[in-house]
């Protein structure tokens, strides 16, 4: 009887290990890559279009000051009572 239980337990452990180890093949989820456009005439990778270059040349907007939210008297009293 103890041999039978031992055999069942080892069989379950082995199958569980096989299942866990069998699924990990070093695969990672596919990472997104930026696509490069090939030139129609030369077949080489083309430079970025003029449209994207003009947006990079445009001046960046200045950062706006972050305004803190005003707390209501009720929320302030709740914090004070903690």
PDB file of N, CA and C in Angstrom:
ATOM      1  N   UNK A   1       0.819  -1.207   0.000  1.00  0.00           N
ATOM      2  CA  UNK A   1       0.000   0.000   0.000  1.00  0.00           C
ATOM      3  C   UNK A   1       0.859   1.266   0.000  1.00  0.00           C
ATOM      4  N   UNK A   2       1.891   1.352   0.907  1.00  0.00           N
ATOM      5  CA  UNK A   2       2.731   2.555   0.879  1.00  0.00           C
ATOM      6  C   UNK A   2       3.474   2.717  -0.451  1.00  0.00           C
ATOM      7  N   UNK A   3       3.844   1.567  -1.060  1.00  0.00           N
ATOM      8  CA  UNK A   3       4.521   1.641  -2.357  1.00  0.00           C
ATOM      9  C   UNK A   3       3.598   2.219  -3.426  1.00  0.00           C
ATOM     10  N   UNK A   4       2.345   1.852  -3.374  1.00  0.00           N
ATOM     11  CA  UNK A   4       1.365   2.335  -4.351  1.00  0.00           C
ATOM     12  C   UNK A   4       1.176   3.849  -4.217  1.00  0.00           C
ATOM     13  N   UNK A   5       1.057   4.320  -2.971  1.00  0.00           N
ATOM     14  CA  UNK A   5       0.896   5.760  -2.727  1.00  0.00           C
ATOM     15  C   UNK A   5       2.142   6.519  -3.178  1.00  0.00           C
ATOM     16  N   UNK A   6       3.307   5.936  -2.856  1.00  0.00           N
ATOM     17  CA  UNK A   6       4.575   6.569  -3.244  1.00  0.00           C
ATOM     18  C   UNK A   6       4.688   6.655  -4.760  1.00  0.00           C
ATOM     19  N   UNK A   7       4.272   5.608  -5.448  1.00  0.00           N
ATOM     20  CA  UNK A   7       4.324   5.572  -6.905  1.00  0.00           C
ATOM     21  C   UNK A   7       3.384   6.617  -7.519  1.00  0.00           C
ATOM     22  N   UNK A   8       2.199   6.744  -6.951  1.00  0.00           N
ATOM     23  CA  UNK A   8       1.224   7.723  -7.450  1.00  0.00           C
ATOM     24  C   UNK A   8       1.758   9.147  -7.247  1.00  0.00           C
ATOM     25  N   UNK A   9       2.312   9.395  -6.056  1.00  0.00           N
ATOM     26  CA  UNK A   9       2.818  10.741  -5.750  1.00  0.00           C
ATOM     27  C   UNK A   9       3.995  11.085  -6.653  1.00  0.00           C
ATOM     28  N   UNK A  10       4.930  10.167  -6.828  1.00  0.00           N
ATOM     29  CA  UNK A  10       6.084  10.447  -7.702  1.00  0.00           C
ATOM     30  C   UNK A  10       5.638  10.652  -9.141  1.00  0.00           C
ATOM     31  N   UNK A  11       4.636   9.878  -9.574  1.00  0.00           N
ATOM     32  CA  UNK A  11       4.115  10.052 -10.932  1.00  0.00           C
ATOM     33  C   UNK A  11       3.490  11.425 -11.118  1.00  0.00           C
ATOM     34  N   UNK A  12       2.743  11.875 -10.128  1.00  0.00           N
ATOM     35  CA  UNK A  12       2.129  13.205 -10.209  1.00  0.00           C
ATOM     36  C   UNK A  12       3.182  14.299 -10.217  1.00  0.00           C
ATOM     37  N   UNK A  13       4.190  14.155  -9.368  1.00  0.00           N
ATOM     38  CA  UNK A  13       5.257  15.160  -9.297  1.00  0.00           C
ATOM     39  C   UNK A  13       6.024  15.219 -10.613  1.00  0.00           C
ATOM     40  N   UNK A  14       6.332  14.048 -11.163  1.00  0.00           N
ATOM     41  CA  UNK A  14       7.069  14.005 -12.440  1.00  0.00           C
ATOM     42  C   UNK A  14       6.272  14.646 -13.570  1.00  0.00           C
ATOM     43  N   UNK A  15       4.989  14.334 -13.664  1.00  0.00           N
ATOM     44  CA  UNK A  15       4.186  14.933 -14.736  1.00  0.00           C
ATOM     45  C   UNK A  15       4.047  16.436 -14.562  1.00  0.00           C
ATOM     46  N   UNK A  16       3.928  16.874 -13.306  1.00  0.00           N
ATOM     47  CA  UNK A  16       3.829  18.316 -13.057  1.00  0.00           C
ATOM     48  C   UNK A  16       5.121  19.015 -13.448  1.00  0.00           C
ATOM     49  N   UNK A  17       6.253  18.411 -13.114  1.00  0.00           N
ATOM     50  CA  UNK A  17       7.546  18.999 -13.482  1.00  0.00           C
ATOM     51  C   UNK A  17       7.724  19.026 -14.997  1.00  0.00           C
ATOM     52  N   UNK A  18       7.343  17.939 -15.665  1.00  0.00           N
ATOM     53  CA  UNK A  18       7.454  17.899 -17.128  1.00  0.00           C
ATOM     54  C   UNK A  18       6.612  18.992 -17.766  1.00  0.00           C
ATOM     55  N   UNK A  19       5.413  19.178 -17.224  1.00  0.00           N
ATOM     56  CA  UNK A  19       4.515  20.186 -17.772  1.00  0.00           C
ATOM     57  C   UNK A  19       5.075  21.585 -17.570  1.00  0.00           C
ATOM     58  N   UNK A  20       5.620  21.839 -16.386  1.00  0.00           N
ATOM     59  CA  UNK A  20       6.169  23.173 -16.113  1.00  0.00           C
ATOM     60  C   UNK A  20       7.418  23.439 -16.924  1.00  0.00           C
ATOM     61  N   UNK A  21       8.306  22.466 -16.971  1.00  0.00           N
ATOM     62  CA  UNK A  21       9.571  22.665 -17.671  1.00  0.00           C
ATOM     63  C   UNK A  21       9.409  22.559 -19.176  1.00  0.00           C
ATOM     64  N   UNK A  22       8.435  21.811 -19.618  1.00  0.00           N
ATOM     65  CA  UNK A  22       8.235  21.633 -21.050  1.00  0.00           C
ATOM     66  C   UNK A  22       7.743  22.881 -21.740  1.00  0.00           C
ATOM     67  N   UNK A  23       7.043  23.737 -21.018  1.00  0.00           N
ATOM     68  CA  UNK A  23       6.480  24.934 -21.645  1.00  0.00           C
ATOM     69  C   UNK A  23       7.481  26.065 -21.757  1.00  0.00           C
ATOM     70  N   UNK A  24       8.545  26.032 -20.976  1.00  0.00           N
ATOM     71  CA  UNK A  24       9.505  27.136 -21.019  1.00  0.00           C
ATOM     72  C   UNK A  24      10.634  26.787 -21.978  1.00  0.00           C
ATOM     73  N   UNK A  25      10.571  27.363 -23.155  1.00  0.00           N
ATOM     74  CA  UNK A  25      11.616  27.150 -24.150  1.00  0.00           C
ATOM     75  C   UNK A  25      12.410  28.425 -24.372  1.00  0.00           C
ATOM     76  N   UNK A  26      12.446  29.265 -23.367  1.00  0.00           N
ATOM     77  CA  UNK A  26      13.163  30.519 -23.530  1.00  0.00           C
ATOM     78  C   UNK A  26      12.404  31.513 -24.379  1.00  0.00           C
ATOM     79  N   UNK A  27      11.143  31.255 -24.623  1.00  0.00           N
ATOM     80  CA  UNK A  27      10.362  32.168 -25.457  1.00  0.00           C
ATOM     81  C   UNK A  27       9.903  33.358 -24.640  1.00  0.00           C
ATOM     82  N   UNK A  28      10.000  34.500 -25.246  1.00  0.00           N
ATOM     83  CA  UNK A  28       9.488  35.718 -24.634  1.00  0.00           C
ATOM     84  C   UNK A  28       8.445  36.292 -25.571  1.00  0.00           C
ATOM     85  N   UNK A  29       7.528  37.089 -25.068  1.00  0.00           N
ATOM     86  CA  UNK A  29       6.542  37.675 -25.969  1.00  0.00           C
ATOM     87  C   UNK A  29       7.218  38.551 -27.021  1.00  0.00           C
ATOM     88  N   UNK A  30       6.648  38.564 -28.213  1.00  0.00           N
ATOM     89  CA  UNK A  30       7.226  39.297 -29.328  1.00  0.00           C
ATOM     90  C   UNK A  30       7.291  40.781 -29.017  1.00  0.00           C
ATOM     91  N   UNK A  31       8.444  41.363 -29.258  1.00  0.00           N
ATOM     92  CA  UNK A  31       8.624  42.787 -29.035  1.00  0.00           C
ATOM     93  C   UNK A  31       8.334  43.527 -30.330  1.00  0.00           C
ATOM     94  N   UNK A  32       7.704  44.671 -30.200  1.00  0.00           N
ATOM     95  CA  UNK A  32       7.386  45.461 -31.392  1.00  0.00           C
ATOM     96  C   UNK A  32       8.640  46.125 -31.917  1.00  0.00           C
ATOM     97  N   UNK A  33       8.803  46.099 -33.215  1.00  0.00           N
ATOM     98  CA  UNK A  33       9.949  46.734 -33.848  1.00  0.00           C
ATOM     99  C   UNK A  33       9.444  47.804 -34.801  1.00  0.00           C
ATOM    100  N   UNK A  34      10.208  48.872 -34.906  1.00  0.00           N
ATOM    101  CA  UNK A  34       9.847  49.904 -35.868  1.00  0.00           C
ATOM    102  C   UNK A  34      10.206  49.395 -37.259  1.00  0.00           C
ATOM    103  N   UNK A  35       9.280  49.520 -38.161  1.00  0.00           N
ATOM    104  CA  UNK A  35       9.520  49.034 -39.516  1.00  0.00           C
ATOM    105  C   UNK A  35      10.336  50.043 -40.296  1.00  0.00           C
ATOM    106  N   UNK A  36      11.284  49.529 -41.054  1.00  0.00           N
ATOM    107  CA  UNK A  36      12.070  50.396 -41.924  1.00  0.00           C
ATOM    108  C   UNK A  36      11.512  50.291 -43.336  1.00  0.00           C
ATOM    109  N   UNK A  37      11.440  51.422 -43.991  1.00  0.00           N
ATOM    110  CA  UNK A  37      10.891  51.460 -45.343  1.00  0.00           C
ATOM    111  C   UNK A  37      12.039  51.349 -46.335  1.00  0.00           C
ATOM    112  N   UNK A  38      11.882  50.462 -47.313  1.00  0.00           N
ATOM    113  CA  UNK A  38      12.896  50.316 -48.353  1.00  0.00           C
ATOM    114  C   UNK A  38      12.586  51.269 -49.510  1.00  0.00           C
ATOM    115  N   UNK A  39      13.620  51.801 -50.071  1.00  0.00           N
ATOM    116  CA  UNK A  39      13.467  52.705 -51.199  1.00  0.00           C
ATOM    117  C   UNK A  39      13.008  51.911 -52.428  1.00  0.00           C
ATOM    118  N   UNK A  40      12.095  52.467 -53.178  1.00  0.00           N
ATOM    119  CA  UNK A  40      11.572  51.778 -54.360  1.00  0.00           C
ATOM    120  C   UNK A  40      12.620  51.700 -55.462  1.00  0.00           C
ATOM    121  N   UNK A  41      13.517  52.687 -55.528  1.00  0.00           N
ATOM    122  CA  UNK A  41      14.483  52.723 -56.622  1.00  0.00           C
ATOM    123  C   UNK A  41      15.742  51.909 -56.311  1.00  0.00           C
ATOM    124  N   UNK A  42      16.335  52.133 -55.136  1.00  0.00           N
ATOM    125  CA  UNK A  42      17.601  51.472 -54.824  1.00  0.00           C
ATOM    126  C   UNK A  42      17.422  50.156 -54.087  1.00  0.00           C
ATOM    127  N   UNK A  43      16.337  50.021 -53.342  1.00  0.00           N
ATOM    128  CA  UNK A  43      16.120  48.807 -52.566  1.00  0.00           C
ATOM    129  C   UNK A  43      16.747  48.867 -51.188  1.00  0.00           C
ATOM    130  N   UNK A  44      17.476  49.949 -50.913  1.00  0.00           N
ATOM    131  CA  UNK A  44      18.087  50.112 -49.590  1.00  0.00           C
ATOM    132  C   UNK A  44      17.063  50.689 -48.624  1.00  0.00           C
ATOM    133  N   UNK A  45      17.404  50.675 -47.331  1.00  0.00           N
ATOM    134  CA  UNK A  45      16.525  51.283 -46.350  1.00  0.00           C
ATOM    135  C   UNK A  45      16.516  52.788 -46.556  1.00  0.00           C
ATOM    136  N   UNK A  46      15.339  53.361 -46.656  1.00  0.00           N
ATOM    137  CA  UNK A  46      15.195  54.785 -46.919  1.00  0.00           C
ATOM    138  C   UNK A  46      15.232  55.567 -45.617  1.00  0.00           C
ATOM    139  N   UNK A  47      15.598  56.845 -45.730  1.00  0.00           N
ATOM    140  CA  UNK A  47      15.576  57.724 -44.566  1.00  0.00           C
ATOM    141  C   UNK A  47      14.140  58.041 -44.197  1.00  0.00           C
ATOM    142  N   UNK A  48      13.954  58.604 -43.015  1.00  0.00           N
ATOM    143  CA  UNK A  48      12.603  58.952 -42.586  1.00  0.00           C
ATOM    144  C   UNK A  48      12.038  60.025 -43.499  1.00  0.00           C
ATOM    145  N   UNK A  49      10.720  60.054 -43.591  1.00  0.00           N
ATOM    146  CA  UNK A  49      10.073  61.001 -44.489  1.00  0.00           C
ATOM    147  C   UNK A  49      10.225  62.429 -43.975  1.00  0.00           C
ATOM    148  N   UNK A  50      10.014  63.386 -44.851  1.00  0.00           N
ATOM    149  CA  UNK A  50      10.149  64.798 -44.500  1.00  0.00           C
ATOM    150  C   UNK A  50       9.117  65.205 -43.462  1.00  0.00           C
ATOM    151  N   UNK A  51       7.971  64.544 -43.470  1.00  0.00           N
ATOM    152  CA  UNK A  51       6.898  64.893 -42.541  1.00  0.00           C
ATOM    153  C   UNK A  51       7.341  64.674 -41.092  1.00  0.00           C
ATOM    154  N   UNK A  52       8.005  63.565 -40.829  1.00  0.00           N
ATOM    155  CA  UNK A  52       8.431  63.283 -39.459  1.00  0.00           C
ATOM    156  C   UNK A  52       9.588  64.184 -39.044  1.00  0.00           C
ATOM    157  N   UNK A  53      10.415  64.568 -40.010  1.00  0.00           N
ATOM    158  CA  UNK A  53      11.537  65.449 -39.686  1.00  0.00           C
ATOM    159  C   UNK A  53      11.061  66.852 -39.314  1.00  0.00           C
ATOM    160  N   UNK A  54      10.011  67.337 -39.966  1.00  0.00           N
ATOM    161  CA  UNK A  54       9.521  68.684 -39.662  1.00  0.00           C
ATOM    162  C   UNK A  54       8.915  68.749 -38.269  1.00  0.00           C
ATOM    163  N   UNK A  55       8.291  67.661 -37.832  1.00  0.00           N
ATOM    164  CA  UNK A  55       7.715  67.675 -36.492  1.00  0.00           C
ATOM    165  C   UNK A  55       8.806  67.693 -35.433  1.00  0.00           C
ATOM    166  N   UNK A  56       9.938  67.098 -35.736  1.00  0.00           N
ATOM    167  CA  UNK A  56      11.051  67.095 -34.777  1.00  0.00           C
ATOM    168  C   UNK A  56      11.692  68.478 -34.705  1.00  0.00           C
ATOM    169  N   UNK A  57      11.651  69.222 -35.817  1.00  0.00           N
ATOM    170  CA  UNK A  57      12.264  70.548 -35.861  1.00  0.00           C
ATOM    171  C   UNK A  57      11.445  71.597 -35.121  1.00  0.00           C
ATOM    172  N   UNK A  58      10.142  71.345 -34.980  1.00  0.00           N
ATOM    173  CA  UNK A  58       9.253  72.300 -34.352  1.00  0.00           C
ATOM    174  C   UNK A  58       9.626  72.493 -32.881  1.00  0.00           C
ATOM    175  N   UNK A  59       9.510  73.735 -32.393  1.00  0.00           N
ATOM    176  CA  UNK A  59       9.882  74.033 -31.015  1.00  0.00           C
ATOM    177  C   UNK A  59       8.924  73.350 -30.047  1.00  0.00           C
ATOM    178  N   UNK A  60       9.455  72.829 -28.967  1.00  0.00           N
ATOM    179  CA  UNK A  60       8.637  72.146 -27.970  1.00  0.00           C
ATOM    180  C   UNK A  60       7.882  73.166 -27.131  1.00  0.00           C
ATOM    181  N   UNK A  61       6.692  72.794 -26.714  1.00  0.00           N
ATOM    182  CA  UNK A  61       5.903  73.689 -25.877  1.00  0.00           C
ATOM    183  C   UNK A  61       6.529  73.755 -24.490  1.00  0.00           C
ATOM    184  N   UNK A  62       6.514  74.930 -23.865  1.00  0.00           N
ATOM    185  CA  UNK A  62       7.050  75.000 -22.503  1.00  0.00           C
ATOM    186  C   UNK A  62       6.149  74.254 -21.537  1.00  0.00           C
ATOM    187  N   UNK A  63       6.745  73.700 -20.507  1.00  0.00           N
ATOM    188  CA  UNK A  63       5.982  72.913 -19.546  1.00  0.00           C
ATOM    189  C   UNK A  63       5.047  73.824 -18.766  1.00  0.00           C
ATOM    190  N   UNK A  64       3.828  73.354 -18.572  1.00  0.00           N
ATOM    191  CA  UNK A  64       2.875  74.146 -17.798  1.00  0.00           C
ATOM    192  C   UNK A  64       3.041  73.816 -16.322  1.00  0.00           C
ATOM    193  N   UNK A  65       2.808  74.789 -15.489  1.00  0.00           N
ATOM    194  CA  UNK A  65       2.957  74.595 -14.055  1.00  0.00           C
ATOM    195  C   UNK A  65       1.861  73.649 -13.564  1.00  0.00           C
ATOM    196  N   UNK A  66       2.265  72.701 -12.744  1.00  0.00           N
ATOM    197  CA  UNK A  66       1.299  71.743 -12.235  1.00  0.00           C
ATOM    198  C   UNK A  66       0.557  72.362 -11.049  1.00  0.00           C
ATOM    199  N   UNK A  67      -0.749  72.404 -11.158  1.00  0.00           N
ATOM    200  CA  UNK A  67      -1.558  73.031 -10.124  1.00  0.00           C
ATOM    201  C   UNK A  67      -2.055  71.945  -9.182  1.00  0.00           C
ATOM    202  N   UNK A  68      -1.838  72.138  -7.892  1.00  0.00           N
ATOM    203  CA  UNK A  68      -2.294  71.130  -6.928  1.00  0.00           C
ATOM    204  C   UNK A  68      -3.792  71.272  -6.707  1.00  0.00           C
ATOM    205  N   UNK A  69      -4.435  70.137  -6.468  1.00  0.00           N
ATOM    206  CA  UNK A  69      -5.881  70.157  -6.245  1.00  0.00           C
ATOM    207  C   UNK A  69      -6.180  70.694  -4.850  1.00  0.00           C
ATOM    208  N   UNK A  70      -7.180  71.526  -4.779  1.00  0.00           N
ATOM    209  CA  UNK A  70      -7.576  72.087  -3.493  1.00  0.00           C
ATOM    210  C   UNK A  70      -8.397  71.061  -2.747  1.00  0.00           C
ATOM    211  N   UNK A  71      -8.032  70.810  -1.501  1.00  0.00           N
ATOM    212  CA  UNK A  71      -8.770  69.843  -0.685  1.00  0.00           C
ATOM    213  C   UNK A  71      -9.977  70.501  -0.052  1.00  0.00           C
ATOM    214  N   UNK A  72     -11.024  69.736   0.056  1.00  0.00           N
ATOM    215  CA  UNK A  72     -12.221  70.239   0.728  1.00  0.00           C
ATOM    216  C   UNK A  72     -11.991  70.175   2.233  1.00  0.00           C
ATOM    217  N   UNK A  73     -12.696  70.984   2.991  1.00  0.00           N
ATOM    218  CA  UNK A  73     -12.526  70.938   4.458  1.00  0.00           C
ATOM    219  C   UNK A  73     -12.808  69.545   5.037  1.00  0.00           C
ATOM    220  N   UNK A  74     -13.745  68.823   4.424  1.00  0.00           N
ATOM    221  CA  UNK A  74     -14.066  67.479   4.912  1.00  0.00           C
ATOM    222  C   UNK A  74     -12.876  66.537   4.738  1.00  0.00           C
ATOM    223  N   UNK A  75     -12.227  66.603   3.573  1.00  0.00           N
ATOM    224  CA  UNK A  75     -11.092  65.710   3.331  1.00  0.00           C
ATOM    225  C   UNK A  75      -9.906  66.078   4.208  1.00  0.00           C
ATOM    226  N   UNK A  76      -9.752  67.375   4.493  1.00  0.00           N
ATOM    227  CA  UNK A  76      -8.668  67.806   5.377  1.00  0.00           C
ATOM    228  C   UNK A  76      -8.904  67.316   6.803  1.00  0.00           C
ATOM    229  N   UNK A  77     -10.135  67.369   7.251  1.00  0.00           N
ATOM    230  CA  UNK A  77     -10.443  66.917   8.614  1.00  0.00           C
ATOM    231  C   UNK A  77     -10.278  65.395   8.736  1.00  0.00           C
ATOM    232  N   UNK A  78     -10.575  64.677   7.641  1.00  0.00           N
ATOM    233  CA  UNK A  78     -10.383  63.236   7.674  1.00  0.00           C
ATOM    234  C   UNK A  78      -8.912  62.900   7.846  1.00  0.00           C
ATOM    235  N   UNK A  79      -8.062  63.629   7.130  1.00  0.00           N
ATOM    236  CA  UNK A  79      -6.624  63.363   7.223  1.00  0.00           C
ATOM    237  C   UNK A  79      -6.102  63.731   8.610  1.00  0.00           C
ATOM    238  N   UNK A  80      -6.653  64.801   9.181  1.00  0.00           N
ATOM    239  CA  UNK A  80      -6.200  65.251  10.495  1.00  0.00           C
ATOM    240  C   UNK A  80      -6.548  64.247  11.572  1.00  0.00           C
ATOM    241  N   UNK A  81      -7.674  63.552  11.397  1.00  0.00           N
ATOM    242  CA  UNK A  81      -8.139  62.631  12.447  1.00  0.00           C
ATOM    243  C   UNK A  81      -7.372  61.295  12.420  1.00  0.00           C
ATOM    244  N   UNK A  82      -6.599  61.037  11.373  1.00  0.00           N
ATOM    245  CA  UNK A  82      -5.871  59.760  11.282  1.00  0.00           C
ATOM    246  C   UNK A  82      -4.787  59.633  12.295  1.00  0.00           C
TER     247      UNK A  82
END
